[in-house]
Amino acid sequence: MYFVYFLKSISNNKVYVGFTSKDPKIRLEEHNNGSNAWTRVNGPFRLIYNEEYLCESDARKRESFYKMGFGKKIKQAIISVLDA
């Protein structure tokens, strides 16, 4: 399984979009422990959304979608519904 996930910063409300083959909860722990530069600076995070895929290429395409163009608007719509 592959996952696309959104993490929301508890400290500044920024949203991180990621892709992983790990359970999103495990990946959340890794980010909260400073696994990359961006999350180290903007954490701690909470997991607010994830999607599950059988195919790695589909998950990677979806991650890219949420990071560009119209996908950013869809991401914002998802976040606004979940944070309501």
N, C-alpha and C. Protein backbone atom coordinates (compact mmCIF):
# COMPACT_ATOMS: atom_id res chain seq x y z
N MET A 1 0.83 -1.19 0.00
CA MET A 1 0.00 0.00 0.00
C MET A 1 0.87 1.24 0.00
N TYR A 2 0.32 2.29 -0.58
CA TYR A 2 0.99 3.59 -0.63
C TYR A 2 -0.01 4.63 -0.16
N PHE A 3 0.50 5.69 0.40
CA PHE A 3 -0.36 6.71 0.99
C PHE A 3 0.08 8.10 0.58
N VAL A 4 -0.90 8.97 0.41
CA VAL A 4 -0.69 10.41 0.29
C VAL A 4 -1.33 10.98 1.55
N TYR A 5 -0.65 11.89 2.21
CA TYR A 5 -1.15 12.37 3.49
C TYR A 5 -0.91 13.86 3.65
N PHE A 6 -1.73 14.48 4.48
CA PHE A 6 -1.58 15.88 4.85
C PHE A 6 -1.26 15.94 6.33
N LEU A 7 -0.24 16.69 6.66
CA LEU A 7 0.08 16.98 8.06
C LEU A 7 -0.12 18.47 8.27
N LYS A 8 -0.74 18.83 9.36
CA LYS A 8 -0.94 20.24 9.68
C LYS A 8 -0.10 20.61 10.88
N SER A 9 0.65 21.69 10.74
CA SER A 9 1.51 22.15 11.82
C SER A 9 0.67 22.68 12.97
N ILE A 10 0.98 22.24 14.15
CA ILE A 10 0.30 22.72 15.35
C ILE A 10 0.77 24.14 15.68
N SER A 11 2.01 24.45 15.33
CA SER A 11 2.58 25.75 15.70
C SER A 11 2.24 26.88 14.73
N ASN A 12 2.10 26.60 13.42
CA ASN A 12 1.87 27.70 12.48
C ASN A 12 0.80 27.41 11.42
N ASN A 13 0.11 26.30 11.53
CA ASN A 13 -0.99 25.91 10.63
C ASN A 13 -0.58 25.63 9.19
N LYS A 14 0.70 25.54 8.90
CA LYS A 14 1.13 25.18 7.55
C LYS A 14 0.81 23.70 7.32
N VAL A 15 0.60 23.36 6.05
CA VAL A 15 0.24 21.98 5.70
C VAL A 15 1.34 21.36 4.86
N TYR A 16 1.72 20.16 5.23
CA TYR A 16 2.72 19.38 4.50
C TYR A 16 1.99 18.26 3.77
N VAL A 17 2.28 18.10 2.49
CA VAL A 17 1.72 17.00 1.70
C VAL A 17 2.85 16.02 1.43
N GLY A 18 2.61 14.75 1.73
CA GLY A 18 3.65 13.75 1.54
C GLY A 18 3.13 12.47 0.94
N PHE A 19 4.06 11.64 0.54
CA PHE A 19 3.81 10.31 -0.03
C PHE A 19 4.66 9.32 0.74
N THR A 20 4.11 8.12 1.00
CA THR A 20 4.88 7.11 1.72
C THR A 20 4.33 5.72 1.47
N SER A 21 5.19 4.75 1.70
CA SER A 21 4.74 3.36 1.69
C SER A 21 4.54 2.86 3.12
N LYS A 22 4.84 3.72 4.09
CA LYS A 22 4.66 3.39 5.51
C LYS A 22 3.26 3.80 5.96
N ASP A 23 2.85 3.29 7.10
CA ASP A 23 1.61 3.74 7.71
C ASP A 23 1.75 5.25 7.98
N PRO A 24 0.75 6.05 7.60
CA PRO A 24 0.85 7.50 7.82
C PRO A 24 1.10 7.91 9.28
N LYS A 25 0.62 7.11 10.23
CA LYS A 25 0.86 7.43 11.64
C LYS A 25 2.34 7.27 12.00
N ILE A 26 2.97 6.28 11.41
CA ILE A 26 4.41 6.10 11.63
C ILE A 26 5.18 7.25 10.98
N ARG A 27 4.75 7.62 9.78
CA ARG A 27 5.42 8.72 9.08
C ARG A 27 5.25 10.03 9.86
N LEU A 28 4.08 10.22 10.48
CA LEU A 28 3.84 11.39 11.32
C LEU A 28 4.86 11.44 12.46
N GLU A 29 5.08 10.33 13.11
CA GLU A 29 6.07 10.27 14.19
C GLU A 29 7.46 10.64 13.69
N GLU A 30 7.81 10.14 12.50
CA GLU A 30 9.12 10.46 11.93
C GLU A 30 9.26 11.95 11.66
N HIS A 31 8.21 12.55 11.10
CA HIS A 31 8.24 14.00 10.85
C HIS A 31 8.35 14.77 12.16
N ASN A 32 7.60 14.35 13.16
CA ASN A 32 7.65 15.04 14.45
C ASN A 32 8.99 14.87 15.15
N ASN A 33 9.76 13.88 14.73
CA ASN A 33 11.11 13.68 15.26
C ASN A 33 12.17 14.35 14.38
N GLY A 34 11.73 15.14 13.38
CA GLY A 34 12.67 15.91 12.58
C GLY A 34 13.29 15.16 11.42
N SER A 35 12.51 14.35 10.71
CA SER A 35 13.06 13.52 9.64
C SER A 35 13.49 14.30 8.39
N ASN A 36 12.98 15.51 8.20
CA ASN A 36 13.49 16.33 7.10
C ASN A 36 13.51 17.80 7.52
N ALA A 37 14.21 18.62 6.75
CA ALA A 37 14.45 20.01 7.14
C ALA A 37 13.16 20.81 7.30
N TRP A 38 12.24 20.68 6.36
CA TRP A 38 11.02 21.48 6.41
C TRP A 38 10.18 21.13 7.63
N THR A 39 10.00 19.84 7.88
CA THR A 39 9.18 19.46 9.02
C THR A 39 9.88 19.72 10.35
N ARG A 40 11.19 19.70 10.34
CA ARG A 40 11.94 19.99 11.56
C ARG A 40 11.68 21.44 12.00
N VAL A 41 11.59 22.34 11.05
CA VAL A 41 11.38 23.77 11.33
C VAL A 41 9.92 24.10 11.64
N ASN A 42 8.98 23.38 11.00
CA ASN A 42 7.57 23.74 11.09
C ASN A 42 6.73 22.87 12.02
N GLY A 43 7.32 21.86 12.62
CA GLY A 43 6.57 20.95 13.49
C GLY A 43 6.29 21.53 14.85
N PRO A 44 5.59 20.82 15.68
CA PRO A 44 5.05 19.47 15.51
C PRO A 44 3.79 19.48 14.64
N PHE A 45 3.41 18.29 14.19
CA PHE A 45 2.30 18.13 13.27
C PHE A 45 1.26 17.18 13.82
N ARG A 46 0.10 17.27 13.18
CA ARG A 46 -0.94 16.26 13.39
C ARG A 46 -1.40 15.79 12.02
N LEU A 47 -1.72 14.53 11.92
CA LEU A 47 -2.21 13.94 10.68
C LEU A 47 -3.66 14.35 10.51
N ILE A 48 -3.97 15.02 9.38
CA ILE A 48 -5.35 15.45 9.19
C ILE A 48 -6.07 14.73 8.05
N TYR A 49 -5.31 14.07 7.16
CA TYR A 49 -5.94 13.44 6.01
C TYR A 49 -4.99 12.45 5.38
N ASN A 50 -5.52 11.35 4.85
CA ASN A 50 -4.70 10.46 4.04
C ASN A 50 -5.55 9.69 3.05
N GLU A 51 -4.94 9.32 1.94
CA GLU A 51 -5.55 8.51 0.90
C GLU A 51 -4.67 7.28 0.70
N GLU A 52 -5.29 6.17 0.35
CA GLU A 52 -4.59 4.90 0.20
C GLU A 52 -4.61 4.47 -1.27
N TYR A 53 -3.47 3.97 -1.75
CA TYR A 53 -3.33 3.54 -3.14
C TYR A 53 -2.65 2.19 -3.21
N LEU A 54 -3.02 1.40 -4.22
CA LEU A 54 -2.36 0.14 -4.47
C LEU A 54 -1.11 0.33 -5.32
N CYS A 55 -1.13 1.35 -6.16
CA CYS A 55 -0.07 1.59 -7.14
C CYS A 55 0.78 2.79 -6.73
N GLU A 56 2.09 2.59 -6.65
CA GLU A 56 3.00 3.67 -6.26
C GLU A 56 2.89 4.87 -7.19
N SER A 57 2.82 4.62 -8.49
CA SER A 57 2.80 5.75 -9.43
C SER A 57 1.52 6.57 -9.27
N ASP A 58 0.40 5.94 -8.95
CA ASP A 58 -0.83 6.69 -8.70
C ASP A 58 -0.68 7.58 -7.47
N ALA A 59 -0.08 7.06 -6.43
CA ALA A 59 0.11 7.84 -5.21
C ALA A 59 1.05 9.02 -5.46
N ARG A 60 2.12 8.80 -6.19
CA ARG A 60 3.05 9.89 -6.49
C ARG A 60 2.39 10.98 -7.34
N LYS A 61 1.57 10.56 -8.29
CA LYS A 61 0.85 11.53 -9.12
C LYS A 61 -0.12 12.35 -8.29
N ARG A 62 -0.78 11.69 -7.36
CA ARG A 62 -1.74 12.40 -6.50
C ARG A 62 -1.03 13.38 -5.58
N GLU A 63 0.11 12.99 -5.05
CA GLU A 63 0.90 13.91 -4.22
C GLU A 63 1.26 15.15 -5.03
N SER A 64 1.75 14.95 -6.24
CA SER A 64 2.10 16.08 -7.11
C SER A 64 0.88 16.95 -7.41
N PHE A 65 -0.26 16.32 -7.64
CA PHE A 65 -1.50 17.04 -7.90
C PHE A 65 -1.81 18.01 -6.77
N TYR A 66 -1.71 17.55 -5.53
CA TYR A 66 -2.03 18.40 -4.39
C TYR A 66 -1.03 19.53 -4.18
N LYS A 67 0.13 19.44 -4.79
CA LYS A 67 1.17 20.46 -4.61
C LYS A 67 1.17 21.52 -5.70
N MET A 68 0.35 21.34 -6.75
CA MET A 68 0.39 22.27 -7.87
C MET A 68 -1.01 22.67 -8.33
N GLY A 69 -1.10 23.84 -8.91
CA GLY A 69 -2.29 24.29 -9.62
C GLY A 69 -3.60 24.05 -8.91
N PHE A 70 -4.53 23.46 -9.67
CA PHE A 70 -5.87 23.23 -9.16
C PHE A 70 -5.88 22.30 -7.95
N GLY A 71 -4.92 21.40 -7.88
CA GLY A 71 -4.83 20.49 -6.74
C GLY A 71 -4.68 21.21 -5.41
N LYS A 72 -4.00 22.36 -5.42
CA LYS A 72 -3.87 23.15 -4.19
C LYS A 72 -5.23 23.61 -3.69
N LYS A 73 -6.12 23.97 -4.64
CA LYS A 73 -7.47 24.40 -4.25
C LYS A 73 -8.27 23.23 -3.68
N ILE A 74 -8.11 22.06 -4.28
CA ILE A 74 -8.79 20.88 -3.76
C ILE A 74 -8.27 20.55 -2.36
N LYS A 75 -6.94 20.64 -2.19
CA LYS A 75 -6.34 20.41 -0.87
C LYS A 75 -6.93 21.37 0.16
N GLN A 76 -7.03 22.64 -0.19
CA GLN A 76 -7.58 23.64 0.73
C GLN A 76 -9.04 23.33 1.07
N ALA A 77 -9.80 22.86 0.07
CA ALA A 77 -11.20 22.51 0.31
C ALA A 77 -11.30 21.33 1.29
N ILE A 78 -10.46 20.34 1.10
CA ILE A 78 -10.45 19.18 2.01
C ILE A 78 -10.11 19.64 3.43
N ILE A 79 -9.08 20.47 3.55
CA ILE A 79 -8.65 20.96 4.86
C ILE A 79 -9.75 21.77 5.52
N SER A 80 -10.42 22.63 4.76
CA SER A 80 -11.46 23.48 5.36
C SER A 80 -12.63 22.64 5.88
N VAL A 81 -12.96 21.55 5.20
CA VAL A 81 -14.03 20.67 5.66
C VAL A 81 -13.60 19.93 6.92
N LEU A 82 -12.36 19.46 6.94
CA LEU A 82 -11.87 18.69 8.08
C LEU A 82 -11.65 19.55 9.32
N ASP A 83 -11.31 20.82 9.12
CA ASP A 83 -11.04 21.71 10.26
C ASP A 83 -12.29 22.42 10.75
N ALA A 84 -13.41 22.20 10.10
CA ALA A 84 -14.66 22.90 10.48
C ALA A 84 -15.21 22.38 11.78
